[in-house]
C-alpha cells in the first residue's frame, strides 16, 4: 500500500526549481518527485556501490600504480 511522505522546511528556491523541472516534463510536482524518488531508490547506496567496487577490485587482483594513473590523466590534458 502506498504511503505519504512529507518534507518540511523546503527552501522556496528549491521548490521553485523542482516545480520548473516538473513543468518542463509536463508532470505535476507529485508525479515528478515520485519518479525521482523511484529512480533514487533503484540505485545502490554509496556504501553498497563502494563495497561492490572494492569487492570487484579484490577479485581482479590487479593494482595500478598511482603514478601511471596520473601520467595517463595528464596525457589526456595535453
N, C-alpha and C. Protein backbone atom coordinates (compact mmCIF):
# COMPACT_ATOMS: atom_id res chain seq x y z
N UNK A 1 0.84 -1.17 0.00
CA UNK A 1 0.00 0.00 0.00
C UNK A 1 0.89 1.24 0.00
N UNK A 2 0.64 2.18 -0.90
CA UNK A 2 1.45 3.40 -0.93
C UNK A 2 1.32 4.21 0.36
N UNK A 3 2.38 4.91 0.68
CA UNK A 3 2.39 5.77 1.87
C UNK A 3 2.64 7.20 1.43
N UNK A 4 2.31 8.13 2.31
CA UNK A 4 2.58 9.54 2.05
C UNK A 4 3.87 9.93 2.75
N UNK A 5 4.63 10.80 2.11
CA UNK A 5 5.87 11.33 2.68
C UNK A 5 5.74 12.84 2.70
N UNK A 6 6.04 13.44 3.83
CA UNK A 6 6.01 14.90 3.96
C UNK A 6 7.42 15.39 4.22
N UNK A 7 7.82 16.40 3.49
CA UNK A 7 9.14 17.01 3.70
C UNK A 7 8.90 18.45 4.09
N UNK A 8 9.35 18.80 5.26
CA UNK A 8 9.13 20.15 5.78
C UNK A 8 10.35 21.04 5.53
N UNK A 9 10.12 22.33 5.58
CA UNK A 9 11.18 23.34 5.51
C UNK A 9 12.00 23.29 4.22
N UNK A 10 11.33 23.05 3.11
CA UNK A 10 12.00 23.08 1.81
C UNK A 10 12.13 24.54 1.40
N UNK A 11 13.33 25.00 1.09
CA UNK A 11 13.51 26.40 0.69
C UNK A 11 12.69 26.72 -0.56
N UNK A 12 12.20 27.96 -0.63
CA UNK A 12 11.39 28.39 -1.77
C UNK A 12 12.12 28.19 -3.09
N UNK A 13 13.43 28.45 -3.10
CA UNK A 13 14.20 28.32 -4.34
C UNK A 13 14.25 26.86 -4.81
N UNK A 14 14.32 25.93 -3.87
CA UNK A 14 14.34 24.51 -4.22
C UNK A 14 12.98 24.09 -4.77
N UNK A 15 11.91 24.53 -4.10
CA UNK A 15 10.57 24.21 -4.55
C UNK A 15 10.32 24.77 -5.94
N UNK A 16 10.77 25.98 -6.19
CA UNK A 16 10.58 26.60 -7.50
C UNK A 16 11.32 25.84 -8.58
N UNK A 17 12.54 25.42 -8.28
CA UNK A 17 13.32 24.65 -9.26
C UNK A 17 12.65 23.32 -9.57
N UNK A 18 12.19 22.64 -8.54
CA UNK A 18 11.52 21.35 -8.75
C UNK A 18 10.23 21.53 -9.55
N UNK A 19 9.47 22.59 -9.25
CA UNK A 19 8.24 22.87 -10.00
C UNK A 19 8.55 23.15 -11.46
N UNK A 20 9.62 23.88 -11.72
CA UNK A 20 10.01 24.18 -13.09
C UNK A 20 10.42 22.91 -13.84
N UNK A 21 11.16 22.04 -13.19
CA UNK A 21 11.57 20.78 -13.82
C UNK A 21 10.36 19.91 -14.12
N UNK A 22 9.43 19.86 -13.17
CA UNK A 22 8.20 19.08 -13.38
C UNK A 22 7.43 19.63 -14.57
N UNK A 23 7.30 20.95 -14.64
CA UNK A 23 6.57 21.58 -15.74
C UNK A 23 7.22 21.29 -17.08
N UNK A 24 8.55 21.32 -17.14
CA UNK A 24 9.26 21.04 -18.39
C UNK A 24 8.99 19.63 -18.88
N UNK A 25 8.73 18.71 -17.94
CA UNK A 25 8.44 17.33 -18.31
C UNK A 25 6.94 17.09 -18.46
N UNK A 26 6.15 18.15 -18.26
CA UNK A 26 4.70 18.01 -18.40
C UNK A 26 4.08 17.17 -17.30
N UNK A 27 4.67 17.24 -16.12
CA UNK A 27 4.20 16.44 -14.99
C UNK A 27 3.81 17.35 -13.84
N UNK A 28 2.98 16.81 -12.96
CA UNK A 28 2.71 17.51 -11.71
C UNK A 28 3.95 17.36 -10.83
N UNK A 29 4.05 18.19 -9.82
CA UNK A 29 5.18 18.08 -8.90
C UNK A 29 5.18 16.69 -8.26
N UNK A 30 4.01 16.21 -7.90
CA UNK A 30 3.92 14.89 -7.25
C UNK A 30 4.43 13.80 -8.19
N UNK A 31 4.01 13.82 -9.44
CA UNK A 31 4.47 12.82 -10.40
C UNK A 31 5.99 12.90 -10.58
N UNK A 32 6.48 14.12 -10.72
CA UNK A 32 7.91 14.32 -10.93
C UNK A 32 8.71 13.80 -9.74
N UNK A 33 8.31 14.19 -8.52
CA UNK A 33 9.05 13.78 -7.33
C UNK A 33 8.96 12.28 -7.10
N UNK A 34 7.80 11.68 -7.36
CA UNK A 34 7.67 10.24 -7.22
C UNK A 34 8.65 9.53 -8.16
N UNK A 35 8.73 10.01 -9.40
CA UNK A 35 9.67 9.42 -10.35
C UNK A 35 11.12 9.57 -9.90
N UNK A 36 11.44 10.75 -9.37
CA UNK A 36 12.81 10.97 -8.89
C UNK A 36 13.12 10.07 -7.69
N UNK A 37 12.16 9.90 -6.79
CA UNK A 37 12.36 9.01 -5.64
C UNK A 37 12.51 7.56 -6.08
N UNK A 38 11.72 7.14 -7.06
CA UNK A 38 11.86 5.77 -7.57
C UNK A 38 13.22 5.56 -8.21
N UNK A 39 13.67 6.56 -8.96
CA UNK A 39 15.00 6.48 -9.61
C UNK A 39 16.09 6.40 -8.55
N UNK A 40 15.98 7.24 -7.52
CA UNK A 40 16.96 7.24 -6.44
C UNK A 40 16.98 5.92 -5.69
N UNK A 41 15.81 5.38 -5.41
CA UNK A 41 15.73 4.11 -4.67
C UNK A 41 16.25 2.93 -5.48
N UNK A 42 16.19 3.03 -6.80
CA UNK A 42 16.66 1.93 -7.65
C UNK A 42 18.18 1.85 -7.72
N UNK A 43 18.84 2.96 -7.40
CA UNK A 43 20.30 2.98 -7.44
C UNK A 43 20.87 2.42 -6.14
N UNK A 44 22.04 1.79 -6.21
CA UNK A 44 22.66 1.34 -4.95
C UNK A 44 23.10 2.55 -4.12
N UNK A 45 23.12 2.36 -2.81
CA UNK A 45 23.62 3.43 -1.94
C UNK A 45 25.11 3.60 -2.19
N UNK A 46 25.66 4.72 -1.77
CA UNK A 46 27.10 4.93 -1.93
C UNK A 46 27.89 3.84 -1.23
N UNK A 47 27.42 3.45 -0.05
CA UNK A 47 28.10 2.40 0.71
C UNK A 47 28.10 1.09 -0.09
N UNK A 48 26.94 0.69 -0.62
CA UNK A 48 26.86 -0.54 -1.40
C UNK A 48 27.69 -0.46 -2.67
N UNK A 49 27.65 0.69 -3.34
CA UNK A 49 28.43 0.86 -4.56
C UNK A 49 29.92 0.73 -4.27
N UNK A 50 30.39 1.40 -3.22
CA UNK A 50 31.80 1.35 -2.88
C UNK A 50 32.22 -0.06 -2.48
N UNK A 51 31.38 -0.75 -1.71
CA UNK A 51 31.68 -2.13 -1.33
C UNK A 51 31.79 -3.01 -2.57
N UNK A 52 30.88 -2.80 -3.54
CA UNK A 52 30.91 -3.57 -4.77
C UNK A 52 32.20 -3.31 -5.55
N UNK A 53 32.61 -2.06 -5.64
CA UNK A 53 33.84 -1.71 -6.34
C UNK A 53 35.04 -2.37 -5.65
N UNK A 54 35.07 -2.28 -4.34
CA UNK A 54 36.19 -2.90 -3.60
C UNK A 54 36.21 -4.41 -3.78
N UNK A 55 35.04 -5.04 -3.74
CA UNK A 55 34.98 -6.49 -3.94
C UNK A 55 35.47 -6.89 -5.33
N UNK A 56 35.03 -6.12 -6.35
CA UNK A 56 35.47 -6.41 -7.72
C UNK A 56 36.97 -6.19 -7.88
N UNK A 57 37.47 -5.15 -7.24
CA UNK A 57 38.91 -4.87 -7.31
C UNK A 57 39.71 -5.99 -6.66
N UNK A 58 39.24 -6.43 -5.51
CA UNK A 58 39.91 -7.52 -4.81
C UNK A 58 39.87 -8.80 -5.65
N UNK A 59 38.74 -9.08 -6.28
CA UNK A 59 38.60 -10.29 -7.10
C UNK A 59 39.49 -10.24 -8.33
N UNK A 60 39.72 -9.06 -8.87
CA UNK A 60 40.55 -8.92 -10.07
C UNK A 60 42.03 -9.06 -9.75
N UNK A 61 42.39 -8.80 -8.51
CA UNK A 61 43.78 -8.93 -8.06
C UNK A 61 44.75 -8.12 -8.91
N UNK A 62 44.34 -6.97 -9.37
CA UNK A 62 45.25 -6.12 -10.14
C UNK A 62 45.45 -4.81 -9.39
N UNK A 63 46.62 -4.25 -9.58
CA UNK A 63 46.93 -2.97 -8.96
C UNK A 63 47.57 -2.08 -10.01
N UNK A 64 47.13 -0.86 -10.06
CA UNK A 64 47.70 0.12 -10.98
C UNK A 64 48.37 1.18 -10.13
N UNK A 65 49.67 1.41 -10.35
CA UNK A 65 50.36 2.42 -9.56
C UNK A 65 49.76 3.82 -9.77
N UNK A 66 49.75 4.60 -8.71
CA UNK A 66 49.21 5.96 -8.77
C UNK A 66 49.93 6.78 -9.83
N UNK A 67 51.22 6.56 -9.98
CA UNK A 67 52.00 7.32 -10.96
C UNK A 67 51.48 7.09 -12.37
N UNK A 68 51.10 5.85 -12.67
CA UNK A 68 50.58 5.53 -14.00
C UNK A 68 49.22 6.19 -14.22
N UNK A 69 48.40 6.19 -13.21
CA UNK A 69 47.09 6.84 -13.30
C UNK A 69 47.27 8.33 -13.57
N UNK A 70 48.15 8.97 -12.82
CA UNK A 70 48.38 10.40 -13.00
C UNK A 70 49.01 10.70 -14.36
N UNK A 71 49.88 9.83 -14.80
CA UNK A 71 50.51 10.01 -16.11
C UNK A 71 49.47 9.95 -17.23
N UNK A 72 48.56 8.98 -17.15
CA UNK A 72 47.51 8.85 -18.15
C UNK A 72 46.55 10.03 -18.10
N UNK A 73 46.22 10.46 -16.88
CA UNK A 73 45.34 11.63 -16.73
C UNK A 73 45.98 12.86 -17.37
N UNK A 74 47.24 13.08 -17.09
CA UNK A 74 47.93 14.25 -17.61
C UNK A 74 48.10 14.16 -19.12
N UNK A 75 48.25 12.97 -19.68
CA UNK A 75 48.41 12.82 -21.13
C UNK A 75 47.13 13.27 -21.84
N UNK A 76 45.98 13.04 -21.22
CA UNK A 76 44.71 13.46 -21.82
C UNK A 76 44.52 14.97 -21.78
N UNK A 77 45.26 15.64 -20.97
CA UNK A 77 45.11 17.08 -20.81
C UNK A 77 46.01 17.88 -21.74
N UNK A 78 46.86 17.20 -22.45
CA UNK A 78 47.79 17.90 -23.33
C UNK A 78 47.20 18.12 -24.68
